[in-house]
Protein backbone atom coordinates (compact mmCIF):
# COMPACT_ATOMS: atom_id res chain seq x y z
CA UNK A 1 3.77 -11.10 38.15
CA UNK A 2 4.43 -8.30 40.74
CA UNK A 3 5.38 -5.94 37.72
CA UNK A 4 1.66 -6.31 36.56
CA UNK A 5 0.48 -4.69 39.88
CA UNK A 6 3.02 -2.12 40.03
CA UNK A 7 2.50 1.60 39.31
CA UNK A 8 6.23 2.10 38.73
CA UNK A 9 7.41 2.26 35.00
CA UNK A 10 10.61 2.17 33.39
CA UNK A 11 11.80 4.41 30.33
CA UNK A 12 12.11 1.04 28.26
CA UNK A 13 8.51 0.17 28.85
CA UNK A 14 7.60 3.53 27.85
CA UNK A 15 9.72 3.58 24.65
CA UNK A 16 8.25 0.32 23.86
CA UNK A 17 4.65 1.18 24.31
CA UNK A 18 5.11 4.45 22.04
CA UNK A 19 6.69 2.22 19.36
CA UNK A 20 3.88 -0.21 19.39
CA UNK A 21 1.22 2.62 19.42
CA UNK A 22 3.18 4.54 16.58
CA UNK A 23 3.54 1.39 14.34
CA UNK A 24 0.16 -0.27 14.94
CA UNK A 25 -1.64 3.01 14.30
CA UNK A 26 0.45 3.90 11.39
CA UNK A 27 0.04 0.35 9.47
CA UNK A 28 -3.63 0.69 10.16
CA UNK A 29 -4.29 3.90 8.57
CA UNK A 30 -1.56 3.32 5.94
CA UNK A 31 -4.12 0.72 4.70
CA UNK A 32 -6.93 3.25 4.41
CA UNK A 33 -4.56 5.45 2.49
CA UNK A 34 -3.25 2.77 -0.04
CA UNK A 35 -7.01 1.86 -0.68
CA UNK A 36 -7.70 5.55 -1.61
CA UNK A 37 -4.33 5.84 -3.83
CA UNK A 38 -4.92 2.33 -5.59
CA UNK A 39 -8.63 3.46 -6.23
CA UNK A 40 -8.02 7.14 -6.89
CA UNK A 41 -9.91 7.37 -10.60
CA UNK A 42 -12.72 5.53 -9.00
CA UNK A 43 -12.96 7.63 -5.75
CA UNK A 44 -12.15 11.22 -7.13
CA UNK A 45 -15.49 12.34 -8.28
CA UNK A 46 -17.11 10.73 -5.26
CA UNK A 47 -15.07 11.93 -2.66
CA UNK A 48 -16.28 14.35 -0.22
CA UNK A 49 -15.68 18.11 -1.09
CA UNK A 50 -14.16 19.35 1.95
CA UNK A 51 -14.15 23.33 2.03
CA UNK A 52 -15.19 23.57 -1.46
CA UNK A 53 -11.59 22.80 -2.67
CA UNK A 54 -12.99 20.06 -5.04
CA UNK A 55 -13.33 16.60 -4.50
CA UNK A 56 -9.70 15.76 -6.22
CA UNK A 57 -8.06 18.02 -3.75
CA UNK A 58 -9.60 16.77 -0.82
CA UNK A 59 -8.78 13.16 -1.99
CA UNK A 60 -5.09 14.14 -2.61
CA UNK A 61 -4.98 15.68 0.83
CA UNK A 62 -6.80 12.50 2.66
CA UNK A 63 -4.06 10.28 0.66
CA UNK A 64 -1.25 12.64 1.89
CA UNK A 65 -2.43 12.12 5.26
CA UNK A 66 -3.34 8.79 5.64
CA UNK A 67 -0.75 7.05 3.37
CA UNK A 68 2.56 9.37 3.27
CA UNK A 69 2.35 11.00 7.09
CA UNK A 70 1.37 7.21 8.22
CA UNK A 71 4.75 6.31 6.77
CA UNK A 72 6.59 8.88 8.42
CA UNK A 73 4.82 7.77 11.68
CA UNK A 74 5.95 4.22 11.30
CA UNK A 75 9.35 5.20 10.89
CA UNK A 76 9.22 7.74 13.69
CA UNK A 77 10.56 10.54 11.24
CA UNK A 78 9.09 14.01 11.97
CA UNK A 79 6.53 12.33 14.18
CA UNK A 80 4.70 15.19 16.00
CA UNK A 81 4.56 17.04 12.41
CA UNK A 82 3.11 13.95 10.68
CA UNK A 83 0.37 13.52 13.20
CA UNK A 84 -1.23 16.80 12.88
CA UNK A 85 -2.49 16.04 9.17
CA UNK A 86 -3.56 12.62 10.50
CA UNK A 87 -5.62 14.29 13.25
CA UNK A 88 -7.15 16.78 10.94
CA UNK A 89 -7.90 14.12 8.47
CA UNK A 90 -9.85 11.79 10.64
CA UNK A 91 -11.39 14.69 12.60
CA UNK A 92 -12.99 15.75 9.17
CA UNK A 93 -14.08 11.97 8.82
CA UNK A 94 -15.39 11.76 12.60
CA UNK A 95 -17.05 14.91 12.58
CA UNK A 96 -18.25 15.75 8.96
CA UNK A 97 -18.59 12.20 7.37
CA UNK A 98 -19.84 10.18 10.69
CA UNK A 99 -21.59 13.36 12.64
CA UNK A 100 -19.82 12.69 15.74
CA UNK A 101 -21.27 9.36 16.28
CA UNK A 102 -18.95 8.02 19.21
CA UNK A 103 -20.78 4.81 19.57
CA UNK A 104 -21.60 4.08 15.91
CA UNK A 105 -19.57 4.58 12.65
CA UNK A 106 -17.49 7.15 14.21
CA UNK A 107 -16.00 5.10 16.78
CA UNK A 108 -13.00 4.04 15.20
CA UNK A 109 -12.19 7.46 14.00
CA UNK A 110 -12.34 8.61 17.39
CA UNK A 111 -9.89 5.76 18.35
CA UNK A 112 -7.39 6.96 15.65
CA UNK A 113 -7.65 10.36 17.03
CA UNK A 114 -7.16 9.64 20.51
CA UNK A 115 -4.09 7.59 19.55
CA UNK A 116 -2.52 10.09 17.29
CA UNK A 117 -3.15 12.99 19.65
CA UNK A 118 -1.64 10.91 22.53
CA UNK A 119 1.61 10.14 20.21
CA UNK A 120 1.78 14.35 19.51
CA UNK A 121 1.70 15.07 23.22
CA UNK A 122 4.17 11.88 23.97
CA UNK A 123 6.41 12.14 21.09
CA UNK A 124 7.94 9.26 18.84
CA UNK A 125 9.89 7.64 21.90
CA UNK A 126 13.81 6.13 21.44
CA UNK A 127 12.83 3.81 19.20
CA UNK A 128 12.47 5.91 16.31
CA UNK A 129 14.19 7.93 13.67
CA UNK A 130 13.48 11.05 15.48
CA UNK A 131 14.66 9.22 18.95
CA UNK A 132 18.16 8.29 17.40
CA UNK A 133 18.58 11.42 15.91
CA UNK A 134 18.23 13.09 19.38
CA UNK A 135 21.32 11.16 20.82
């Protein structure tokens, strides 16, 4: 009980927290990417045409970020590099699609962005492929 009130932390606690954050966010975002991947034909004409690249290219980039980069994030492989496309993808969703609506439809996107920026700064932790390769 005393540990709950303590301001001290251990390396094990930080690594466990980073693991939970990384895997939890990765699984949740991967579900969105899988939905886009499995309904690719239905969505390719209706998807946002970001930067006038075409809706199909924008959809492919979103799938890459939300599905494949999320898998890398879950594994903890190239973690910081995998966070960059996820942050960009979610910033597009937050600012362009949801008009930066913090307290409405963009709230979930803002939470994801916050989590991925935290992982970008903190790194993957020891319980990851990156952490195991660093030994």
